[in-house]
N, C-alpha and C. Protein backbone atom coordinates (compact mmCIF):
# COMPACT_ATOMS: atom_id res chain seq x y z
N UNK A 1 1.24 -1.21 -0.02
CA UNK A 1 -0.11 -0.14 0.18
C UNK A 1 1.17 1.20 0.01
N UNK A 2 2.07 1.57 0.39
CA UNK A 2 2.99 2.64 0.90
C UNK A 2 3.60 2.68 -0.85
N UNK A 3 3.88 1.54 -0.82
CA UNK A 3 4.73 1.58 -3.01
C UNK A 3 3.19 2.48 -3.62
N UNK A 4 2.50 1.75 -3.75
CA UNK A 4 1.09 2.56 -4.62
C UNK A 4 0.82 3.98 -4.33
N UNK A 5 0.99 4.32 -2.53
CA UNK A 5 0.64 5.72 -1.91
C UNK A 5 1.61 6.43 -2.86
N UNK A 6 3.18 5.96 -2.86
CA UNK A 6 4.06 6.54 -3.02
C UNK A 6 4.30 7.40 -4.44
N UNK A 7 4.30 6.30 -4.82
CA UNK A 7 3.56 6.30 -6.57
C UNK A 7 3.18 7.07 -7.07
N UNK A 8 1.87 7.83 -6.24
CA UNK A 8 0.49 8.04 -6.65
C UNK A 8 1.31 9.28 -6.62
N UNK A 9 1.77 9.85 -5.53
CA UNK A 9 2.63 10.68 -4.60
C UNK A 9 3.73 11.03 -6.07
N UNK A 10 4.42 10.92 -6.62
CA UNK A 10 5.25 11.71 -7.09
C UNK A 10 5.13 11.08 -8.86
N UNK A 11 3.68 10.77 -9.36
CA UNK A 11 2.79 11.02 -10.13
C UNK A 11 2.05 12.46 -10.12
N UNK A 12 1.52 12.62 -8.83
CA UNK A 12 1.19 13.82 -9.12
C UNK A 12 2.50 15.07 -8.65
N UNK A 13 3.28 14.76 -8.31
CA UNK A 13 4.61 16.18 -9.04
C UNK A 13 4.97 16.34 -9.94
N UNK A 14 4.92 14.67 -10.93
CA UNK A 14 5.65 15.32 -12.31
C UNK A 14 4.50 16.23 -13.11
N UNK A 15 3.40 16.05 -12.80
CA UNK A 15 2.31 16.44 -13.26
C UNK A 15 2.10 17.85 -12.91
N UNK A 16 2.22 18.51 -11.94
CA UNK A 16 1.72 19.89 -11.26
C UNK A 16 2.30 20.19 -11.93
N UNK A 17 1.66 21.40 -12.49
CA UNK A 17 2.27 22.76 -13.87
C UNK A 17 1.86 23.19 -15.07
N UNK A 18 1.92 21.49 -15.18
CA UNK A 18 1.26 20.93 -16.67
C UNK A 18 0.49 22.27 -17.42
N UNK A 19 -0.61 22.31 -16.70
CA UNK A 19 -1.85 22.88 -17.03
C UNK A 19 -1.33 24.74 -16.99
N UNK A 20 -0.70 24.74 -16.08
CA UNK A 20 -0.30 26.60 -15.87
C UNK A 20 0.93 26.35 -17.70
N UNK A 21 2.01 25.39 -17.31
CA UNK A 21 2.71 25.76 -18.34
C UNK A 21 2.36 25.52 -20.31
N UNK A 22 1.02 24.85 -20.10
CA UNK A 22 0.48 25.11 -21.37
C UNK A 22 -0.30 26.65 -20.96
N UNK A 23 -1.39 26.45 -20.36
CA UNK A 23 -1.08 28.45 -20.43
C UNK A 23 -0.74 29.52 -20.66
N UNK A 24 0.92 28.82 -20.78
CA UNK A 24 1.38 30.04 -20.30
C UNK A 24 2.14 30.08 -22.21
N UNK A 25 2.55 28.75 -23.25
CA UNK A 25 2.45 29.29 -23.90
C UNK A 25 1.38 29.23 -25.14
N UNK A 26 0.56 29.18 -24.77
CA UNK A 26 -0.55 30.06 -25.85
C UNK A 26 -0.01 31.48 -26.43
N UNK A 27 -0.47 31.76 -27.40
CA UNK A 27 -0.33 32.20 -28.53
C UNK A 27 -1.15 33.80 -27.45
N UNK A 28 -0.52 35.32 -28.04
CA UNK A 28 -0.86 36.41 -27.21
C UNK A 28 -2.01 37.02 -28.85
N UNK A 29 -2.62 37.64 -28.77
CA UNK A 29 -3.20 38.05 -29.72
C UNK A 29 -2.67 39.26 -30.46
N UNK A 30 -2.27 38.91 -32.03
CA UNK A 30 -1.67 39.60 -32.67
C UNK A 30 -2.29 40.34 -33.36
N UNK A 31 -1.99 41.84 -33.49
CA UNK A 31 -2.93 42.91 -34.39
C UNK A 31 -2.71 42.52 -35.99
N UNK A 32 -3.58 41.93 -36.30
CA UNK A 32 -3.93 41.43 -37.55
C UNK A 32 -4.19 42.35 -39.09
N UNK A 33 -4.62 43.48 -38.42
CA UNK A 33 -4.88 44.62 -39.56
C UNK A 33 -3.46 45.38 -39.49
N UNK A 34 -2.67 44.47 -40.04
CA UNK A 34 -1.16 45.49 -39.88
C UNK A 34 -0.71 44.31 -41.45
N UNK A 35 -1.09 43.29 -41.61
CA UNK A 35 -1.62 42.39 -42.46
C UNK A 35 -2.32 43.65 -44.06
N UNK A 36 -1.20 44.32 -45.00
CA UNK A 36 -2.27 44.89 -46.31
C UNK A 36 -1.48 45.01 -47.01
N UNK A 37 -2.22 45.33 -48.45
CA UNK A 37 -0.85 45.32 -49.84
C UNK A 37 -0.46 46.78 -49.22
N UNK A 38 1.29 46.27 -49.47
CA UNK A 38 1.74 47.57 -49.76
C UNK A 38 2.49 48.32 -48.71
N UNK A 39 2.44 47.42 -47.12
CA UNK A 39 2.74 47.76 -46.09
C UNK A 39 4.48 47.27 -46.40
N UNK A 40 5.05 47.60 -45.26
CA UNK A 40 7.19 47.36 -45.20
C UNK A 40 6.97 45.97 -44.30
N UNK A 41 7.68 45.17 -44.67
CA UNK A 41 7.83 43.94 -44.30
C UNK A 41 8.02 44.19 -42.48
N UNK A 42 9.50 45.23 -42.03
CA UNK A 42 9.82 45.47 -41.01
C UNK A 42 8.85 45.84 -40.15
N UNK A 43 7.61 46.23 -40.14
CA UNK A 43 6.28 46.90 -39.88
C UNK A 43 6.00 45.55 -39.38
N UNK A 44 5.45 45.02 -40.06
CA UNK A 44 4.56 43.69 -40.06
C UNK A 44 5.38 43.04 -38.55
N UNK A 45 6.61 42.61 -39.38
CA UNK A 45 7.39 41.82 -38.43
C UNK A 45 7.85 42.00 -37.15
N UNK A 46 7.29 43.91 -36.95
CA UNK A 46 7.44 43.95 -35.08
C UNK A 46 6.72 44.27 -35.11
N UNK A 47 5.58 43.80 -35.24
CA UNK A 47 3.95 43.23 -34.72
C UNK A 47 3.37 42.09 -34.47
N UNK A 48 4.26 41.61 -35.61
CA UNK A 48 3.70 39.91 -35.36
C UNK A 48 4.80 38.75 -35.09
N UNK A 49 6.09 39.55 -35.11
CA UNK A 49 6.95 38.89 -34.62
C UNK A 49 8.02 38.08 -35.74
N UNK A 50 8.83 37.55 -35.21
CA UNK A 50 9.80 36.75 -36.46
C UNK A 50 8.14 35.98 -36.91
N UNK A 51 8.53 35.30 -38.68
CA UNK A 51 7.64 34.48 -38.73
C UNK A 51 8.33 33.00 -38.22
N UNK A 52 7.35 32.09 -38.66
CA UNK A 52 7.34 30.18 -38.65
C UNK A 52 8.52 30.42 -39.56
N UNK A 53 8.94 30.74 -41.51
CA UNK A 53 9.55 30.10 -42.12
C UNK A 53 9.86 31.39 -42.73
N UNK A 54 11.14 31.55 -43.16
CA UNK A 54 11.01 32.77 -44.72
C UNK A 54 12.06 32.40 -45.47
N UNK A 55 11.17 32.57 -46.57
CA UNK A 55 12.73 31.66 -48.25
C UNK A 55 12.50 33.37 -48.56
N UNK A 56 13.65 33.29 -49.59
CA UNK A 56 13.54 33.93 -51.20
C UNK A 56 12.68 33.37 -52.28
N UNK A 57 12.29 34.56 -52.65
CA UNK A 57 11.71 34.12 -54.26
C UNK A 57 12.20 33.89 -54.89
N UNK A 58 11.68 33.62 -56.28
CA UNK A 58 12.52 33.69 -57.39
C UNK A 58 12.87 35.41 -57.82
N UNK A 59 12.00 36.12 -57.57
CA UNK A 59 11.59 37.65 -58.10
C UNK A 59 12.16 38.35 -57.63
N UNK A 60 13.52 37.79 -56.24
CA UNK A 60 13.78 38.63 -55.86
C UNK A 60 13.54 38.84 -54.23
N UNK A 61 12.09 38.60 -54.29
CA UNK A 61 11.55 39.09 -53.08
C UNK A 61 11.35 37.91 -52.07
N UNK A 62 10.57 37.91 -50.99
CA UNK A 62 10.90 37.53 -49.76
C UNK A 62 9.11 36.17 -49.62
N UNK A 63 9.07 35.42 -49.23
CA UNK A 63 8.21 34.65 -48.44
C UNK A 63 8.11 34.12 -46.75
N UNK A 64 6.97 35.06 -46.51
CA UNK A 64 7.00 34.52 -45.13
C UNK A 64 5.72 33.76 -44.45
N UNK A 65 5.95 32.94 -43.06
CA UNK A 65 5.15 31.90 -43.52
C UNK A 65 4.78 32.20 -41.61
N UNK A 66 3.69 32.45 -41.54
CA UNK A 66 3.66 32.53 -39.54
C UNK A 66 2.15 31.51 -39.04
N UNK A 67 2.01 31.41 -38.85
CA UNK A 67 1.47 30.55 -38.18
C UNK A 67 0.43 31.49 -36.57
N UNK A 68 -0.78 31.88 -36.79
CA UNK A 68 -1.79 32.82 -35.83
C UNK A 68 -2.66 32.60 -35.06
N UNK A 69 -2.72 32.61 -34.12
CA UNK A 69 -4.11 32.83 -33.40
C UNK A 69 -5.66 33.61 -34.00
N UNK A 70 -5.74 33.45 -34.74
CA UNK A 70 -6.89 35.02 -35.05
C UNK A 70 -7.41 35.52 -33.19
N UNK A 71 -7.91 34.11 -32.80
CA UNK A 71 -8.95 34.43 -31.74
C UNK A 71 -7.91 34.58 -30.61
N UNK A 72 -6.98 34.81 -30.37
CA UNK A 72 -6.29 34.37 -29.29
C UNK A 72 -6.45 35.40 -28.46
N UNK A 73 -5.79 35.51 -27.03
CA UNK A 73 -6.35 35.81 -25.87
C UNK A 73 -5.29 37.32 -25.94
N UNK A 74 -5.83 37.76 -24.85
CA UNK A 74 -4.70 39.26 -24.58
C UNK A 74 -4.29 38.75 -23.45
N UNK A 75 -2.64 39.61 -23.41
CA UNK A 75 -1.59 39.24 -21.98
C UNK A 75 -1.98 38.80 -20.60
N UNK A 76 -3.19 39.98 -20.40
CA UNK A 76 -3.66 39.69 -19.49
C UNK A 76 -4.48 38.61 -19.02
N UNK A 77 -5.29 37.84 -19.61
CA UNK A 77 -6.40 36.66 -20.16
C UNK A 77 -4.81 35.61 -19.37
N UNK A 78 -4.02 35.14 -20.50
CA UNK A 78 -2.73 34.71 -20.56
C UNK A 78 -2.06 34.23 -19.16
N UNK A 79 -2.11 36.17 -18.47
CA UNK A 79 -1.67 35.51 -17.13
C UNK A 79 -2.42 35.11 -16.00
N UNK A 80 -3.82 35.76 -16.32
CA UNK A 80 -5.15 35.60 -15.28
C UNK A 80 -4.88 33.95 -15.00
N UNK A 81 -4.97 33.19 -16.23
CA UNK A 81 -5.15 31.59 -16.50
C UNK A 81 -4.20 30.73 -15.91
N UNK A 82 -2.35 31.48 -15.82
CA UNK A 82 -1.64 31.11 -15.31
C UNK A 82 -2.07 31.02 -13.67
N UNK A 83 -1.77 32.55 -13.67
CA UNK A 83 -2.06 32.40 -12.04
C UNK A 83 -3.11 31.44 -11.44
N UNK A 84 -4.65 31.30 -11.98
CA UNK A 84 -5.36 30.98 -11.62
C UNK A 84 -5.11 29.25 -12.07
N UNK A 85 -4.49 28.68 -12.75
CA UNK A 85 -3.83 26.80 -12.39
C UNK A 85 -2.64 26.64 -11.40
N UNK A 86 -2.57 27.52 -11.53
CA UNK A 86 -1.14 27.43 -10.31
C UNK A 86 -1.53 27.86 -8.96
N UNK A 87 -2.56 28.96 -8.12
CA UNK A 87 -3.62 28.51 -7.83
C UNK A 87 -3.57 27.20 -7.03
N UNK A 88 -4.65 27.33 -8.37
CA UNK A 88 -5.66 25.41 -8.20
C UNK A 88 -4.27 24.09 -7.58
N UNK A 89 -3.72 24.66 -8.15
CA UNK A 89 -2.72 23.14 -8.11
C UNK A 89 -2.33 23.41 -6.50
N UNK A 90 -1.58 24.42 -5.88
CA UNK A 90 -1.25 24.75 -4.75
C UNK A 90 -2.25 24.63 -3.61
N UNK A 91 -4.29 24.86 -3.55
CA UNK A 91 -4.55 24.78 -3.09
C UNK A 91 -5.24 22.96 -3.05
N UNK A 92 -4.57 22.25 -3.85
CA UNK A 92 -5.53 21.06 -4.37
C UNK A 92 -4.41 20.16 -4.21
N UNK A 93 -3.41 20.46 -3.60
CA UNK A 93 -1.97 19.76 -4.27
C UNK A 93 -1.95 19.28 -5.14
N UNK A 94 -2.19 19.61 -6.36
CA UNK A 94 -1.95 19.01 -7.23
C UNK A 94 -3.12 17.98 -8.40
N UNK A 95 -3.45 17.43 -7.15
CA UNK A 95 -5.27 17.61 -8.07
C UNK A 95 -6.10 18.19 -9.56
N UNK A 96 -5.52 19.26 -8.67
CA UNK A 96 -6.31 20.18 -9.85
C UNK A 96 -5.90 19.51 -11.64
N UNK A 97 -4.75 19.18 -12.01
CA UNK A 97 -3.80 18.91 -12.88
C UNK A 97 -5.40 17.78 -13.46
N UNK A 98 -6.28 16.75 -13.27
CA UNK A 98 -7.03 16.12 -13.48
C UNK A 98 -7.81 17.08 -14.11
N UNK A 99 -8.36 18.08 -13.89
CA UNK A 99 -9.07 18.72 -14.43
C UNK A 99 -8.22 20.32 -15.86
N UNK A 100 -7.35 20.51 -14.72
CA UNK A 100 -6.70 21.59 -15.64
C UNK A 100 -5.71 21.16 -16.56
N UNK A 101 -5.42 20.23 -16.89
CA UNK A 101 -4.64 19.53 -18.58
C UNK A 101 -5.72 19.51 -18.61
N UNK A 102 -6.84 18.91 -19.01
CA UNK A 102 -7.77 18.78 -20.25
C UNK A 102 -8.60 19.60 -20.70
N UNK A 103 -8.49 20.48 -19.62
CA UNK A 103 -9.63 22.06 -19.96
C UNK A 103 -8.30 22.49 -21.16
N UNK A 104 -6.96 22.81 -20.06
CA UNK A 104 -6.51 23.19 -21.60
C UNK A 104 -5.53 22.96 -22.72
N UNK A 105 -6.70 21.88 -22.85
CA UNK A 105 -6.04 20.84 -24.16
C UNK A 105 -7.74 21.25 -24.88
N UNK A 106 -9.17 21.25 -24.22
CA UNK A 106 -10.08 21.68 -24.88
C UNK A 106 -9.78 22.91 -25.07
N UNK A 107 -9.58 23.77 -24.69
CA UNK A 107 -9.27 25.95 -25.00
C UNK A 107 -8.25 25.59 -26.36
N UNK A 108 -7.63 24.50 -26.29
CA UNK A 108 -6.57 25.18 -27.38
C UNK A 108 -7.30 25.50 -29.17
N UNK A 109 -7.60 26.95 -29.26
CA UNK A 109 -7.73 26.92 -30.66
C UNK A 109 -6.51 27.01 -31.94
N UNK A 110 -7.13 26.17 -33.19
CA UNK A 110 -6.89 26.14 -34.12
C UNK A 110 -5.32 27.37 -34.86
N UNK A 111 -4.66 27.21 -34.97
CA UNK A 111 -3.64 28.04 -36.06
C UNK A 111 -3.92 28.28 -37.74
N UNK A 112 -4.31 29.56 -38.14
CA UNK A 112 -4.48 30.06 -39.21
C UNK A 112 -2.48 30.47 -39.99
N UNK A 113 -2.44 29.64 -40.63
CA UNK A 113 -1.31 29.40 -41.50
C UNK A 113 -1.23 31.10 -41.96
N UNK A 114 -1.20 32.53 -42.30
CA UNK A 114 -0.70 33.19 -42.94
C UNK A 114 1.18 33.18 -44.14
N UNK A 115 0.66 33.04 -45.63
CA UNK A 115 1.46 33.59 -45.89
C UNK A 115 1.94 34.55 -46.71
N UNK A 116 2.77 35.40 -46.86
CA UNK A 116 3.18 36.10 -46.75
C UNK A 116 3.68 36.38 -47.56
N UNK A 117 4.13 37.77 -49.33
CA UNK A 117 4.73 37.85 -50.22
C UNK A 117 4.96 38.87 -50.23
N UNK A 118 6.66 39.53 -50.65
CA UNK A 118 7.37 40.61 -51.28
C UNK A 118 7.52 40.65 -51.73
N UNK A 119 7.14 41.96 -52.44
CA UNK A 119 8.41 42.15 -53.50
C UNK A 119 10.00 42.07 -53.19
N UNK A 120 11.13 43.12 -53.82
CA UNK A 120 12.66 43.11 -53.59
C UNK A 120 12.42 44.26 -53.53
N UNK A 121 11.39 45.23 -52.68
CA UNK A 121 11.64 46.40 -51.91
C UNK A 121 10.92 46.17 -50.18
N UNK A 122 10.98 44.83 -50.38
CA UNK A 122 10.41 44.22 -49.30
C UNK A 122 8.37 44.91 -48.87
N UNK A 123 7.84 45.23 -49.80
CA UNK A 123 6.46 45.46 -49.74
C UNK A 123 5.73 43.88 -50.00
N UNK A 124 4.95 44.46 -48.88
CA UNK A 124 4.04 43.17 -48.99
C UNK A 124 2.59 43.33 -50.70
N UNK A 125 3.26 42.15 -51.82
CA UNK A 125 2.71 42.45 -52.43
C UNK A 125 0.82 41.13 -52.43
N UNK A 126 1.05 40.74 -51.52
CA UNK A 126 -0.27 39.08 -51.67
C UNK A 126 -0.18 38.05 -50.58
N UNK A 127 -1.12 37.52 -50.10
CA UNK A 127 -1.01 37.30 -48.43
C UNK A 127 -1.88 35.79 -48.75
N UNK A 128 -1.91 34.67 -48.20
CA UNK A 128 -2.98 33.76 -48.41
C UNK A 128 -3.09 33.77 -46.45
N UNK A 129 -4.42 32.94 -46.62
CA UNK A 129 -4.73 32.68 -45.35
C UNK A 129 -5.07 31.02 -45.87
N UNK A 130 -5.08 30.26 -45.00
CA UNK A 130 -4.83 29.30 -44.97
C UNK A 130 -5.35 28.42 -43.07
N UNK A 131 -6.91 28.15 -43.03
CA UNK A 131 -6.87 27.86 -41.67
C UNK A 131 -7.30 26.07 -42.37
C-alpha cells in the first residue's frame, strides 16, 4: 500500500504545473490589421514577430509564413490563466491537474497559416490565409 501511495504522490508531483505551463505557451493576440497590401515587411515583422519560416523567391522577394491564432487571448487573460492554474494546483495539492490539463487541451484553438509575399523592395504584394 505504501508503494502505491508513493507512486501516486510521485505522479502528482510530476504532472503538477502542466496546465499552467500549457496556458503560458498559448499565443497572445496579434494585430492582424498590419497585414495589408503595400505594407512594409519591417513593420509587419515588428507587430507579428519573427515568421515561422522565411524564404527568398525567384523574383528577389521574400515569402514569410506565420502560424497565428486569430482569436487568441490578451496578455492579461494569459496571465490570469497561469495564476489561476497555479493557485488551484497549490490549493488542491496537484489534483487540479486532473481537470486543468484536459481543460487547457480542450480550449486550444487552431492556428491559421498566413503566407505573406513581398517584392524585392520588401513591400507586401499579396497574402494567403489557410485555416
